């Protein structure tokens, strides 16, 4: 949820793909830092290792890259539907 809030705040309802991509990746990185920082103090998550950090960063940054593609596809579909309907 944090990543969604951060990406939405950075995007400011823009439909620009570049802005969506930058805000998504930035939000993924910030969310990863939060997870890595909190895992340092958790006995359940264990200490922050290189493997744990990569496991934290990779899916969040990939989501920050993939979600704007999906959002852009939905935005284009909505624009085409308004023109034809």
N, C-alpha and C. Protein backbone atom coordinates (compact mmCIF):
# COMPACT_ATOMS: atom_id res chain seq x y z
N UNK A 1 0.82 -1.19 0.00
CA UNK A 1 0.00 0.00 0.00
C UNK A 1 0.87 1.25 0.00
N UNK A 2 1.97 1.20 0.72
CA UNK A 2 2.86 2.36 0.76
C UNK A 2 3.35 2.72 -0.63
N UNK A 3 3.70 1.72 -1.41
CA UNK A 3 4.20 1.98 -2.76
C UNK A 3 3.12 2.65 -3.60
N UNK A 4 1.89 2.22 -3.48
CA UNK A 4 0.79 2.83 -4.23
C UNK A 4 0.56 4.27 -3.84
N UNK A 5 0.60 4.55 -2.55
CA UNK A 5 0.42 5.93 -2.09
C UNK A 5 1.55 6.83 -2.58
N UNK A 6 2.78 6.36 -2.49
CA UNK A 6 3.92 7.17 -2.92
C UNK A 6 3.86 7.40 -4.42
N UNK A 7 3.57 6.35 -5.19
CA UNK A 7 3.50 6.49 -6.65
C UNK A 7 2.37 7.44 -7.04
N UNK A 8 1.23 7.34 -6.37
CA UNK A 8 0.11 8.24 -6.67
C UNK A 8 0.44 9.68 -6.35
N UNK A 9 1.13 9.90 -5.25
CA UNK A 9 1.50 11.26 -4.87
C UNK A 9 2.52 11.86 -5.85
N UNK A 10 3.44 11.04 -6.32
CA UNK A 10 4.43 11.54 -7.27
C UNK A 10 3.85 11.73 -8.67
N UNK A 11 2.86 10.93 -9.02
CA UNK A 11 2.30 10.96 -10.37
C UNK A 11 1.34 12.13 -10.58
N UNK A 12 0.59 12.52 -9.57
CA UNK A 12 -0.34 13.65 -9.61
C UNK A 12 -1.34 13.55 -10.77
N UNK A 13 -1.94 12.36 -10.93
CA UNK A 13 -2.98 12.09 -11.94
C UNK A 13 -2.52 12.35 -13.37
N UNK A 14 -1.25 12.22 -13.63
CA UNK A 14 -0.73 12.42 -14.97
C UNK A 14 -0.85 11.12 -15.76
N UNK A 15 -1.11 11.23 -17.04
CA UNK A 15 -1.15 10.04 -17.89
C UNK A 15 0.13 9.92 -18.72
N UNK A 16 1.14 10.71 -18.38
CA UNK A 16 2.42 10.64 -19.05
C UNK A 16 3.15 9.36 -18.63
N UNK A 17 3.54 8.55 -19.61
CA UNK A 17 4.19 7.28 -19.29
C UNK A 17 5.50 7.51 -18.55
N UNK A 18 6.27 8.50 -18.97
CA UNK A 18 7.55 8.76 -18.33
C UNK A 18 7.36 9.11 -16.85
N UNK A 19 6.37 9.93 -16.56
CA UNK A 19 6.11 10.31 -15.18
C UNK A 19 5.63 9.11 -14.36
N UNK A 20 4.77 8.27 -14.95
CA UNK A 20 4.30 7.07 -14.25
C UNK A 20 5.46 6.12 -13.97
N UNK A 21 6.35 5.96 -14.93
CA UNK A 21 7.49 5.06 -14.78
C UNK A 21 8.43 5.55 -13.68
N UNK A 22 8.77 6.82 -13.70
CA UNK A 22 9.67 7.38 -12.69
C UNK A 22 9.06 7.30 -11.30
N UNK A 23 7.76 7.62 -11.18
CA UNK A 23 7.13 7.56 -9.87
C UNK A 23 7.01 6.13 -9.38
N UNK A 24 6.74 5.18 -10.27
CA UNK A 24 6.65 3.77 -9.87
C UNK A 24 7.98 3.21 -9.39
N UNK A 25 9.04 3.49 -10.12
CA UNK A 25 10.37 3.01 -9.72
C UNK A 25 10.82 3.68 -8.43
N UNK A 26 10.59 4.98 -8.30
CA UNK A 26 10.95 5.69 -7.07
C UNK A 26 10.20 5.12 -5.87
N UNK A 27 8.91 4.86 -6.05
CA UNK A 27 8.12 4.29 -4.96
C UNK A 27 8.60 2.88 -4.62
N UNK A 28 8.99 2.10 -5.61
CA UNK A 28 9.52 0.75 -5.35
C UNK A 28 10.81 0.79 -4.56
N UNK A 29 11.67 1.72 -4.91
CA UNK A 29 12.95 1.84 -4.20
C UNK A 29 12.72 2.30 -2.76
N UNK A 30 11.83 3.28 -2.56
CA UNK A 30 11.54 3.76 -1.21
C UNK A 30 10.92 2.63 -0.37
N UNK A 31 9.98 1.89 -0.96
CA UNK A 31 9.38 0.77 -0.25
C UNK A 31 10.40 -0.29 0.11
N UNK A 32 11.35 -0.53 -0.77
CA UNK A 32 12.41 -1.51 -0.49
C UNK A 32 13.29 -1.05 0.67
N UNK A 33 13.62 0.24 0.68
CA UNK A 33 14.41 0.76 1.79
C UNK A 33 13.69 0.59 3.12
N UNK A 34 12.38 0.81 3.11
CA UNK A 34 11.60 0.64 4.34
C UNK A 34 11.66 -0.81 4.79
N UNK A 35 11.49 -1.75 3.87
CA UNK A 35 11.52 -3.18 4.23
C UNK A 35 12.90 -3.58 4.74
N UNK A 36 13.96 -3.15 4.06
CA UNK A 36 15.32 -3.51 4.49
C UNK A 36 15.63 -2.88 5.84
N UNK A 37 15.22 -1.63 6.05
CA UNK A 37 15.48 -0.96 7.32
C UNK A 37 14.75 -1.65 8.46
N UNK A 38 13.49 -1.98 8.26
CA UNK A 38 12.73 -2.62 9.34
C UNK A 38 13.18 -4.06 9.58
N UNK A 39 13.71 -4.71 8.56
CA UNK A 39 14.16 -6.10 8.77
C UNK A 39 15.41 -6.14 9.65
N UNK A 40 16.14 -5.04 9.74
CA UNK A 40 17.29 -5.01 10.63
C UNK A 40 16.90 -5.15 12.09
N UNK A 41 15.70 -4.72 12.43
CA UNK A 41 15.25 -4.73 13.81
C UNK A 41 14.24 -5.84 14.11
N UNK A 42 14.04 -6.75 13.17
CA UNK A 42 13.06 -7.81 13.35
C UNK A 42 13.76 -9.15 13.52
N UNK A 43 13.37 -9.86 14.55
CA UNK A 43 13.95 -11.19 14.73
C UNK A 43 13.31 -12.20 13.79
N UNK A 44 12.14 -11.91 13.28
CA UNK A 44 11.45 -12.82 12.36
C UNK A 44 12.04 -12.72 10.96
N UNK A 45 12.26 -11.49 10.48
CA UNK A 45 12.76 -11.30 9.12
C UNK A 45 14.26 -11.57 9.01
N UNK A 46 14.97 -11.49 10.10
CA UNK A 46 16.40 -11.77 10.10
C UNK A 46 17.22 -10.55 9.72
N UNK A 47 18.53 -10.69 9.77
CA UNK A 47 19.40 -9.54 9.46
C UNK A 47 19.37 -9.22 7.96
N UNK A 48 19.68 -7.99 7.65
CA UNK A 48 19.73 -7.57 6.25
C UNK A 48 21.01 -8.09 5.61
N UNK A 49 20.86 -8.99 4.67
CA UNK A 49 21.99 -9.52 3.92
C UNK A 49 21.86 -9.05 2.48
N UNK A 50 22.87 -9.33 1.69
CA UNK A 50 22.83 -8.94 0.28
C UNK A 50 21.69 -9.66 -0.43
N UNK A 51 21.54 -10.94 -0.16
CA UNK A 51 20.46 -11.70 -0.78
C UNK A 51 19.08 -11.20 -0.36
N UNK A 52 18.95 -10.86 0.91
CA UNK A 52 17.68 -10.32 1.39
C UNK A 52 17.37 -8.97 0.79
N UNK A 53 18.40 -8.16 0.62
CA UNK A 53 18.19 -6.85 0.01
C UNK A 53 17.78 -6.96 -1.45
N UNK A 54 18.43 -7.87 -2.17
CA UNK A 54 18.06 -8.09 -3.58
C UNK A 54 16.65 -8.62 -3.68
N UNK A 55 16.31 -9.55 -2.77
CA UNK A 55 14.96 -10.09 -2.75
C UNK A 55 13.94 -9.02 -2.42
N UNK A 56 14.32 -8.03 -1.67
CA UNK A 56 13.43 -6.93 -1.33
C UNK A 56 13.31 -5.94 -2.50
N UNK A 57 14.42 -5.60 -3.13
CA UNK A 57 14.43 -4.58 -4.18
C UNK A 57 13.86 -5.08 -5.50
N UNK A 58 14.24 -6.27 -5.93
CA UNK A 58 13.91 -6.73 -7.27
C UNK A 58 12.41 -6.75 -7.55
N UNK A 59 11.57 -7.40 -6.74
CA UNK A 59 10.15 -7.41 -7.10
C UNK A 59 9.48 -6.04 -7.05
N UNK A 60 9.92 -5.20 -6.15
CA UNK A 60 9.30 -3.87 -6.04
C UNK A 60 9.68 -2.98 -7.22
N UNK A 61 10.93 -3.04 -7.63
CA UNK A 61 11.36 -2.23 -8.77
C UNK A 61 10.73 -2.78 -10.06
N UNK A 62 10.65 -4.10 -10.19
CA UNK A 62 9.99 -4.68 -11.36
C UNK A 62 8.51 -4.29 -11.40
N UNK A 63 7.86 -4.28 -10.26
CA UNK A 63 6.47 -3.82 -10.22
C UNK A 63 6.38 -2.36 -10.62
N UNK A 64 7.36 -1.56 -10.21
CA UNK A 64 7.40 -0.16 -10.61
C UNK A 64 7.60 0.02 -12.10
N UNK A 65 8.18 -0.98 -12.78
CA UNK A 65 8.36 -0.94 -14.23
C UNK A 65 7.15 -1.51 -14.97
N UNK A 66 6.54 -2.55 -14.43
CA UNK A 66 5.46 -3.25 -15.13
C UNK A 66 4.11 -2.56 -14.96
N UNK A 67 3.81 -2.07 -13.78
CA UNK A 67 2.50 -1.47 -13.52
C UNK A 67 2.23 -0.26 -14.42
N UNK A 68 3.19 0.63 -14.69
CA UNK A 68 2.90 1.72 -15.63
C UNK A 68 2.57 1.23 -17.04
N UNK A 69 3.15 0.11 -17.46
CA UNK A 69 2.79 -0.45 -18.77
C UNK A 69 1.32 -0.87 -18.79
N UNK A 70 0.89 -1.53 -17.75
CA UNK A 70 -0.50 -1.97 -17.66
C UNK A 70 -1.42 -0.76 -17.56
N UNK A 71 -1.05 0.22 -16.76
CA UNK A 71 -1.87 1.43 -16.61
C UNK A 71 -1.99 2.17 -17.93
N UNK A 72 -0.91 2.25 -18.66
CA UNK A 72 -0.93 2.93 -19.96
C UNK A 72 -1.84 2.20 -20.94
N UNK A 73 -1.81 0.87 -20.90
CA UNK A 73 -2.69 0.09 -21.78
C UNK A 73 -4.16 0.34 -21.44
N UNK A 74 -4.49 0.40 -20.15
CA UNK A 74 -5.87 0.69 -19.75
C UNK A 74 -6.26 2.11 -20.15
N UNK A 75 -5.34 3.06 -20.02
CA UNK A 75 -5.65 4.44 -20.40
C UNK A 75 -5.91 4.54 -21.90
N UNK A 76 -5.11 3.86 -22.71
CA UNK A 76 -5.33 3.87 -24.16
C UNK A 76 -6.64 3.21 -24.53
N UNK A 77 -6.97 2.11 -23.85
CA UNK A 77 -8.22 1.43 -24.12
C UNK A 77 -9.40 2.34 -23.79
N UNK A 78 -9.31 3.09 -22.70
CA UNK A 78 -10.37 4.02 -22.34
C UNK A 78 -10.51 5.15 -23.33
N UNK A 79 -9.40 5.65 -23.85
CA UNK A 79 -9.44 6.72 -24.85
C UNK A 79 -10.07 6.23 -26.14
N UNK A 80 -9.71 5.01 -26.57
CA UNK A 80 -10.28 4.45 -27.79
C UNK A 80 -11.77 4.21 -27.64
N UNK A 81 -12.17 3.79 -26.46
CA UNK A 81 -13.58 3.51 -26.22
C UNK A 81 -14.41 4.79 -26.23
N UNK A 82 -13.84 5.88 -25.71
CA UNK A 82 -14.57 7.15 -25.72
C UNK A 82 -14.74 7.67 -27.15
N UNK A 83 -13.73 7.48 -28.00
CA UNK A 83 -13.81 7.94 -29.39
C UNK A 83 -14.86 7.15 -30.18
N UNK A 84 -14.90 5.83 -29.95
CA UNK A 84 -15.79 4.98 -30.74
C UNK A 84 -17.21 4.93 -30.18
N UNK A 85 -17.38 5.24 -28.88
CA UNK A 85 -18.69 5.07 -28.27
C UNK A 85 -19.43 6.29 -28.14
